[in-house]
Amino acid sequence: PEGLFVGGEAVVSGTGSALRLRSDPGLQSTTLKTVADETRLKILEGPRESDGLRWWRMQDQTDGAEGWAAETYLTPTSTP
């Protein structure tokens, strides 16, 4: 498949510093962790719509942390 999809991966990009992984989709949800640009994340669930954005539940494979991230800052990867 092309683009973002469950089971695929994405790279954080365009944040200027770091992306917030949140407890639930939405800008008011609790920040669980921040991940820097260029971090590769696995897509676990989604998309969901909230606050005018599309959200995906992601996993940081370096430490297993999970959270919801705005699609705006996710670039699909085409290679494993």
PDB file of N, CA and C in Angstrom:
ATOM      1  N   PRO A   1       0.824  -1.219   0.000  1.00  0.00           N
ATOM      2  CA  PRO A   1       0.000   0.000   0.000  1.00  0.00           C
ATOM      3  C   PRO A   1       0.857   1.267   0.000  1.00  0.00           C
ATOM      4  N   GLU A   2       0.269   2.331  -0.464  1.00  0.00           N
ATOM      5  CA  GLU A   2       0.947   3.634  -0.476  1.00  0.00           C
ATOM      6  C   GLU A   2       0.455   4.451   0.716  1.00  0.00           C
ATOM      7  N   GLY A   3       1.234   5.430   1.102  1.00  0.00           N
ATOM      8  CA  GLY A   3       0.818   6.336   2.173  1.00  0.00           C
ATOM      9  C   GLY A   3       0.902   5.680   3.539  1.00  0.00           C
ATOM     10  N   LEU A   4       0.130   6.217   4.483  1.00  0.00           N
ATOM     11  CA  LEU A   4       0.113   5.699   5.847  1.00  0.00           C
ATOM     12  C   LEU A   4      -0.918   4.583   5.950  1.00  0.00           C
ATOM     13  N   PHE A   5      -0.542   3.500   6.624  1.00  0.00           N
ATOM     14  CA  PHE A   5      -1.465   2.376   6.819  1.00  0.00           C
ATOM     15  C   PHE A   5      -1.046   1.587   8.048  1.00  0.00           C
ATOM     16  N   VAL A   6      -2.015   0.950   8.703  1.00  0.00           N
ATOM     17  CA  VAL A   6      -1.745   0.150   9.888  1.00  0.00           C
ATOM     18  C   VAL A   6      -0.774  -0.969   9.510  1.00  0.00           C
ATOM     19  N   GLY A   7       0.278  -1.108  10.308  1.00  0.00           N
ATOM     20  CA  GLY A   7       1.314  -2.090  10.047  1.00  0.00           C
ATOM     21  C   GLY A   7       2.507  -1.495   9.316  1.00  0.00           C
ATOM     22  N   GLY A   8       2.333  -0.301   8.764  1.00  0.00           N
ATOM     23  CA  GLY A   8       3.418   0.381   8.067  1.00  0.00           C
ATOM     24  C   GLY A   8       4.255   1.210   9.024  1.00  0.00           C
ATOM     25  N   GLU A   9       5.158   1.980   8.439  1.00  0.00           N
ATOM     26  CA  GLU A   9       6.008   2.857   9.238  1.00  0.00           C
ATOM     27  C   GLU A   9       5.988   4.264   8.666  1.00  0.00           C
ATOM     28  N   ALA A  10       6.319   5.211   9.531  1.00  0.00           N
ATOM     29  CA  ALA A  10       6.408   6.612   9.119  1.00  0.00           C
ATOM     30  C   ALA A  10       7.580   7.248   9.839  1.00  0.00           C
ATOM     31  N   VAL A  11       8.104   8.309   9.235  1.00  0.00           N
ATOM     32  CA  VAL A  11       9.188   9.082   9.838  1.00  0.00           C
ATOM     33  C   VAL A  11       8.616  10.434  10.254  1.00  0.00           C
ATOM     34  N   VAL A  12       8.981  10.876  11.450  1.00  0.00           N
ATOM     35  CA  VAL A  12       8.563  12.191  11.941  1.00  0.00           C
ATOM     36  C   VAL A  12       9.318  13.256  11.152  1.00  0.00           C
ATOM     37  N   SER A  13       8.577  14.239  10.609  1.00  0.00           N
ATOM     38  CA  SER A  13       9.237  15.310   9.865  1.00  0.00           C
ATOM     39  C   SER A  13       8.424  16.592   9.912  1.00  0.00           C
ATOM     40  N   GLY A  14       9.132  17.704   9.845  1.00  0.00           N
ATOM     41  CA  GLY A  14       8.481  19.006   9.755  1.00  0.00           C
ATOM     42  C   GLY A  14       8.023  19.619  11.047  1.00  0.00           C
ATOM     43  N   THR A  15       8.412  19.053  12.182  1.00  0.00           N
ATOM     44  CA  THR A  15       7.960  19.622  13.454  1.00  0.00           C
ATOM     45  C   THR A  15       8.792  20.829  13.867  1.00  0.00           C
ATOM     46  N   GLY A  16      10.031  20.891  13.393  1.00  0.00           N
ATOM     47  CA  GLY A  16      10.938  21.936  13.836  1.00  0.00           C
ATOM     48  C   GLY A  16      11.679  21.545  15.090  1.00  0.00           C
ATOM     49  N   SER A  17      11.166  20.571  15.822  1.00  0.00           N
ATOM     50  CA  SER A  17      11.858  20.083  17.021  1.00  0.00           C
ATOM     51  C   SER A  17      11.418  18.662  17.348  1.00  0.00           C
ATOM     52  N   ALA A  18      10.166  18.515  17.814  1.00  0.00           N
ATOM     53  CA  ALA A  18       9.706  17.195  18.233  1.00  0.00           C
ATOM     54  C   ALA A  18       8.196  17.063  18.062  1.00  0.00           C
ATOM     55  N   LEU A  19       7.765  15.825  17.886  1.00  0.00           N
ATOM     56  CA  LEU A  19       6.354  15.476  17.759  1.00  0.00           C
ATOM     57  C   LEU A  19       5.858  14.934  19.087  1.00  0.00           C
ATOM     58  N   ARG A  20       4.659  15.328  19.472  1.00  0.00           N
ATOM     59  CA  ARG A  20       4.072  14.827  20.719  1.00  0.00           C
ATOM     60  C   ARG A  20       3.270  13.561  20.434  1.00  0.00           C
ATOM     61  N   LEU A  21       3.547  12.519  21.179  1.00  0.00           N
ATOM     62  CA  LEU A  21       2.698  11.328  21.176  1.00  0.00           C
ATOM     63  C   LEU A  21       1.716  11.521  22.320  1.00  0.00           C
ATOM     64  N   ARG A  22       0.421  11.491  21.992  1.00  0.00           N
ATOM     65  CA  ARG A  22      -0.618  11.830  22.970  1.00  0.00           C
ATOM     66  C   ARG A  22      -1.420  10.608  23.398  1.00  0.00           C
ATOM     67  N   SER A  23      -2.092  10.736  24.536  1.00  0.00           N
ATOM     68  CA  SER A  23      -2.868   9.628  25.102  1.00  0.00           C
ATOM     69  C   SER A  23      -4.080   9.270  24.241  1.00  0.00           C
ATOM     70  N   ASP A  24      -4.641  10.245  23.551  1.00  0.00           N
ATOM     71  CA  ASP A  24      -5.810  10.057  22.691  1.00  0.00           C
ATOM     72  C   ASP A  24      -5.681  11.016  21.517  1.00  0.00           C
ATOM     73  N   PRO A  25      -6.429  10.770  20.419  1.00  0.00           N
ATOM     74  CA  PRO A  25      -6.408  11.735  19.313  1.00  0.00           C
ATOM     75  C   PRO A  25      -6.953  13.082  19.779  1.00  0.00           C
ATOM     76  N   GLY A  26      -6.270  14.159  19.484  1.00  0.00           N
ATOM     77  CA  GLY A  26      -6.760  15.489  19.842  1.00  0.00           C
ATOM     78  C   GLY A  26      -5.688  16.343  20.483  1.00  0.00           C
ATOM     79  N   LEU A  27      -5.774  17.640  20.219  1.00  0.00           N
ATOM     80  CA  LEU A  27      -4.771  18.580  20.700  1.00  0.00           C
ATOM     81  C   LEU A  27      -4.792  18.790  22.209  1.00  0.00           C
ATOM     82  N   GLN A  28      -5.898  18.458  22.861  1.00  0.00           N
ATOM     83  CA  GLN A  28      -5.993  18.646  24.307  1.00  0.00           C
ATOM     84  C   GLN A  28      -5.600  17.405  25.099  1.00  0.00           C
ATOM     85  N   SER A  29      -5.295  16.316  24.411  1.00  0.00           N
ATOM     86  CA  SER A  29      -4.924  15.079  25.099  1.00  0.00           C
ATOM     87  C   SER A  29      -3.546  15.207  25.741  1.00  0.00           C
ATOM     88  N   THR A  30      -3.333  14.419  26.771  1.00  0.00           N
ATOM     89  CA  THR A  30      -2.077  14.428  27.506  1.00  0.00           C
ATOM     90  C   THR A  30      -0.917  13.989  26.622  1.00  0.00           C
ATOM     91  N   THR A  31       0.197  14.707  26.704  1.00  0.00           N
ATOM     92  CA  THR A  31       1.417  14.312  26.001  1.00  0.00           C
ATOM     93  C   THR A  31       2.103  13.212  26.798  1.00  0.00           C
ATOM     94  N   LEU A  32       2.316  12.060  26.156  1.00  0.00           N
ATOM     95  CA  LEU A  32       2.969  10.937  26.811  1.00  0.00           C
ATOM     96  C   LEU A  32       4.476  10.962  26.584  1.00  0.00           C
ATOM     97  N   LYS A  33       4.885  11.463  25.414  1.00  0.00           N
ATOM     98  CA  LYS A  33       6.301  11.453  25.039  1.00  0.00           C
ATOM     99  C   LYS A  33       6.476  12.391  23.860  1.00  0.00           C
ATOM    100  N   THR A  34       7.674  12.920  23.690  1.00  0.00           N
ATOM    101  CA  THR A  34       7.992  13.652  22.467  1.00  0.00           C
ATOM    102  C   THR A  34       9.071  12.880  21.720  1.00  0.00           C
ATOM    103  N   VAL A  35       8.963  12.894  20.389  1.00  0.00           N
ATOM    104  CA  VAL A  35       9.958  12.227  19.551  1.00  0.00           C
ATOM    105  C   VAL A  35      10.494  13.230  18.534  1.00  0.00           C
ATOM    106  N   ALA A  36      11.787  13.162  18.296  1.00  0.00           N
ATOM    107  CA  ALA A  36      12.468  14.122  17.423  1.00  0.00           C
ATOM    108  C   ALA A  36      12.180  13.841  15.949  1.00  0.00           C
ATOM    109  N   ASP A  37      12.340  14.886  15.132  1.00  0.00           N
ATOM    110  CA  ASP A  37      12.290  14.702  13.682  1.00  0.00           C
ATOM    111  C   ASP A  37      13.259  13.590  13.298  1.00  0.00           C
ATOM    112  N   GLU A  38      12.932  12.867  12.237  1.00  0.00           N
ATOM    113  CA  GLU A  38      13.713  11.751  11.703  1.00  0.00           C
ATOM    114  C   GLU A  38      13.526  10.452  12.485  1.00  0.00           C
ATOM    115  N   THR A  39      12.710  10.456  13.560  1.00  0.00           N
ATOM    116  CA  THR A  39      12.425   9.221  14.292  1.00  0.00           C
ATOM    117  C   THR A  39      11.477   8.364  13.468  1.00  0.00           C
ATOM    118  N   ARG A  40      11.757   7.089  13.399  1.00  0.00           N
ATOM    119  CA  ARG A  40      10.919   6.147  12.651  1.00  0.00           C
ATOM    120  C   ARG A  40       9.930   5.508  13.626  1.00  0.00           C
ATOM    121  N   LEU A  41       8.645   5.528  13.271  1.00  0.00           N
ATOM    122  CA  LEU A  41       7.592   4.997  14.132  1.00  0.00           C
ATOM    123  C   LEU A  41       6.764   3.948  13.387  1.00  0.00           C
ATOM    124  N   LYS A  42       6.253   2.974  14.121  1.00  0.00           N
ATOM    125  CA  LYS A  42       5.366   1.965  13.541  1.00  0.00           C
ATOM    126  C   LYS A  42       3.917   2.411  13.736  1.00  0.00           C
ATOM    127  N   ILE A  43       3.092   2.194  12.707  1.00  0.00           N
ATOM    128  CA  ILE A  43       1.681   2.582  12.769  1.00  0.00           C
ATOM    129  C   ILE A  43       0.861   1.420  13.314  1.00  0.00           C
ATOM    130  N   LEU A  44       0.159   1.662  14.436  1.00  0.00           N
ATOM    131  CA  LEU A  44      -0.610   0.619  15.105  1.00  0.00           C
ATOM    132  C   LEU A  44      -2.108   0.703  14.843  1.00  0.00           C
ATOM    133  N   GLU A  45      -2.625   1.919  14.658  1.00  0.00           N
ATOM    134  CA  GLU A  45      -4.069   2.101  14.554  1.00  0.00           C
ATOM    135  C   GLU A  45      -4.369   3.443  13.904  1.00  0.00           C
ATOM    136  N   GLY A  46      -5.532   3.531  13.290  1.00  0.00           N
ATOM    137  CA  GLY A  46      -5.954   4.806  12.737  1.00  0.00           C
ATOM    138  C   GLY A  46      -6.479   4.649  11.327  1.00  0.00           C
ATOM    139  N   PRO A  47      -6.791   5.748  10.684  1.00  0.00           N
ATOM    140  CA  PRO A  47      -6.761   7.097  11.259  1.00  0.00           C
ATOM    141  C   PRO A  47      -8.044   7.428  12.015  1.00  0.00           C
ATOM    142  N   ARG A  48      -7.955   8.427  12.865  1.00  0.00           N
ATOM    143  CA  ARG A  48      -9.116   9.009  13.539  1.00  0.00           C
ATOM    144  C   ARG A  48      -9.078  10.514  13.317  1.00  0.00           C
ATOM    145  N   GLU A  49     -10.252  11.108  13.260  1.00  0.00           N
ATOM    146  CA  GLU A  49     -10.353  12.562  13.061  1.00  0.00           C
ATOM    147  C   GLU A  49     -10.630  13.238  14.403  1.00  0.00           C
ATOM    148  N   SER A  50      -9.885  14.308  14.691  1.00  0.00           N
ATOM    149  CA  SER A  50     -10.129  15.107  15.888  1.00  0.00           C
ATOM    150  C   SER A  50      -9.450  16.460  15.714  1.00  0.00           C
ATOM    151  N   ASP A  51     -10.130  17.512  16.126  1.00  0.00           N
ATOM    152  CA  ASP A  51      -9.589  18.877  16.052  1.00  0.00           C
ATOM    153  C   ASP A  51      -9.155  19.255  14.637  1.00  0.00           C
ATOM    154  N   GLY A  52      -9.861  18.721  13.633  1.00  0.00           N
ATOM    155  CA  GLY A  52      -9.555  19.050  12.246  1.00  0.00           C
ATOM    156  C   GLY A  52      -8.311  18.365  11.700  1.00  0.00           C
ATOM    157  N   LEU A  53      -7.782  17.402  12.444  1.00  0.00           N
ATOM    158  CA  LEU A  53      -6.581  16.676  12.032  1.00  0.00           C
ATOM    159  C   LEU A  53      -6.870  15.179  11.974  1.00  0.00           C
ATOM    160  N   ARG A  54      -6.046  14.473  11.195  1.00  0.00           N
ATOM    161  CA  ARG A  54      -6.093  13.004  11.187  1.00  0.00           C
ATOM    162  C   ARG A  54      -4.999  12.512  12.120  1.00  0.00           C
ATOM    163  N   TRP A  55      -5.347  11.536  12.942  1.00  0.00           N
ATOM    164  CA  TRP A  55      -4.430  11.020  13.961  1.00  0.00           C
ATOM    165  C   TRP A  55      -4.192   9.531  13.756  1.00  0.00           C
ATOM    166  N   TRP A  56      -2.972   9.098  14.062  1.00  0.00           N
ATOM    167  CA  TRP A  56      -2.585   7.691  13.988  1.00  0.00           C
ATOM    168  C   TRP A  56      -1.951   7.300  15.319  1.00  0.00           C
ATOM    169  N   ARG A  57      -2.255   6.076  15.788  1.00  0.00           N
ATOM    170  CA  ARG A  57      -1.594   5.572  16.994  1.00  0.00           C
ATOM    171  C   ARG A  57      -0.277   4.941  16.561  1.00  0.00           C
ATOM    172  N   MET A  58       0.805   5.443  17.140  1.00  0.00           N
ATOM    173  CA  MET A  58       2.156   5.090  16.716  1.00  0.00           C
ATOM    174  C   MET A  58       2.919   4.431  17.858  1.00  0.00           C
ATOM    175  N   GLN A  59       3.963   3.688  17.473  1.00  0.00           N
ATOM    176  CA  GLN A  59       4.859   3.092  18.470  1.00  0.00           C
ATOM    177  C   GLN A  59       6.297   3.457  18.135  1.00  0.00           C
ATOM    178  N   ASP A  60       7.003   3.970  19.139  1.00  0.00           N
ATOM    179  CA  ASP A  60       8.430   4.224  19.015  1.00  0.00           C
ATOM    180  C   ASP A  60       9.119   2.894  19.305  1.00  0.00           C
ATOM    181  N   GLN A  61       9.737   2.320  18.298  1.00  0.00           N
ATOM    182  CA  GLN A  61      10.290   0.984  18.458  1.00  0.00           C
ATOM    183  C   GLN A  61      11.577   0.952  19.271  1.00  0.00           C
ATOM    184  N   THR A  62      12.154   2.111  19.567  1.00  0.00           N
ATOM    185  CA  THR A  62      13.362   2.121  20.394  1.00  0.00           C
ATOM    186  C   THR A  62      13.047   1.798  21.853  1.00  0.00           C
ATOM    187  N   ASP A  63      11.854   2.208  22.328  1.00  0.00           N
ATOM    188  CA  ASP A  63      11.500   1.940  23.729  1.00  0.00           C
ATOM    189  C   ASP A  63      10.093   1.369  23.914  1.00  0.00           C
ATOM    190  N   GLY A  64       9.354   1.187  22.805  1.00  0.00           N
ATOM    191  CA  GLY A  64       8.020   0.602  22.892  1.00  0.00           C
ATOM    192  C   GLY A  64       6.921   1.581  23.265  1.00  0.00           C
ATOM    193  N   ALA A  65       7.268   2.852  23.470  1.00  0.00           N
ATOM    194  CA  ALA A  65       6.265   3.857  23.845  1.00  0.00           C
ATOM    195  C   ALA A  65       5.241   4.009  22.728  1.00  0.00           C
ATOM    196  N   GLU A  66       3.964   4.183  23.114  1.00  0.00           N
ATOM    197  CA  GLU A  66       2.887   4.345  22.143  1.00  0.00           C
ATOM    198  C   GLU A  66       2.121   5.625  22.420  1.00  0.00           C
ATOM    199  N   GLY A  67       1.535   6.188  21.351  1.00  0.00           N
ATOM    200  CA  GLY A  67       0.692   7.361  21.506  1.00  0.00           C
ATOM    201  C   GLY A  67       0.153   7.801  20.157  1.00  0.00           C
ATOM    202  N   TRP A  68      -0.777   8.746  20.192  1.00  0.00           N
ATOM    203  CA  TRP A  68      -1.423   9.256  18.981  1.00  0.00           C
ATOM    204  C   TRP A  68      -0.656  10.460  18.450  1.00  0.00           C
ATOM    205  N   ALA A  69      -0.442  10.477  17.138  1.00  0.00           N
ATOM    206  CA  ALA A  69       0.314  11.557  16.495  1.00  0.00           C
ATOM    207  C   ALA A  69      -0.477  12.123  15.324  1.00  0.00           C
ATOM    208  N   ALA A  70      -0.350  13.425  15.112  1.00  0.00           N
ATOM    209  CA  ALA A  70      -1.027  14.091  13.998  1.00  0.00           C
ATOM    210  C   ALA A  70      -0.356  13.724  12.675  1.00  0.00           C
ATOM    211  N   GLU A  71      -1.167  13.378  11.683  1.00  0.00           N
ATOM    212  CA  GLU A  71      -0.663  12.966  10.379  1.00  0.00           C
ATOM    213  C   GLU A  71       0.203  14.022   9.709  1.00  0.00           C
ATOM    214  N   THR A  72      -0.061  15.296  10.010  1.00  0.00           N
ATOM    215  CA  THR A  72       0.674  16.409   9.417  1.00  0.00           C
ATOM    216  C   THR A  72       2.185  16.210   9.487  1.00  0.00           C
ATOM    217  N   TYR A  73       2.651  15.576  10.557  1.00  0.00           N
ATOM    218  CA  TYR A  73       4.091  15.443  10.796  1.00  0.00           C
ATOM    219  C   TYR A  73       4.616  14.033  10.554  1.00  0.00           C
ATOM    220  N   LEU A  74       3.860  13.221   9.810  1.00  0.00           N
ATOM    221  CA  LEU A  74       4.265  11.849   9.531  1.00  0.00           C
ATOM    222  C   LEU A  74       4.475  11.661   8.028  1.00  0.00           C
ATOM    223  N   THR A  75       5.634  11.163   7.657  1.00  0.00           N
ATOM    224  CA  THR A  75       5.946  10.877   6.257  1.00  0.00           C
ATOM    225  C   THR A  75       6.054   9.366   6.101  1.00  0.00           C
ATOM    226  N   PRO A  76       5.243   8.765   5.221  1.00  0.00           N
ATOM    227  CA  PRO A  76       5.314   7.304   5.051  1.00  0.00           C
ATOM    228  C   PRO A  76       6.696   6.865   4.565  1.00  0.00           C
ATOM    229  N   THR A  77       7.134   5.697   5.032  1.00  0.00           N
ATOM    230  CA  THR A  77       8.385   5.131   4.542  1.00  0.00           C
ATOM    231  C   THR A  77       8.051   4.016   3.564  1.00  0.00           C
ATOM    232  N   SER A  78       8.899   3.843   2.579  1.00  0.00           N
ATOM    233  CA  SER A  78       8.635   2.817   1.577  1.00  0.00           C
ATOM    234  C   SER A  78       9.564   1.627   1.752  1.00  0.00           C
ATOM    235  N   THR A  79      10.551   1.755   2.649  1.00  0.00           N
ATOM    236  CA  THR A  79      11.472   0.647   2.868  1.00  0.00           C
ATOM    237  C   THR A  79      11.490   0.249   4.341  1.00  0.00           C
ATOM    238  N   PRO A  80      11.708  -1.022   4.602  1.00  0.00           N
ATOM    239  CA  PRO A  80      11.712  -1.485   6.002  1.00  0.00           C
ATOM    240  C   PRO A  80      12.902  -0.974   6.797  1.00  0.00           C
TER     241      PRO A  80
END
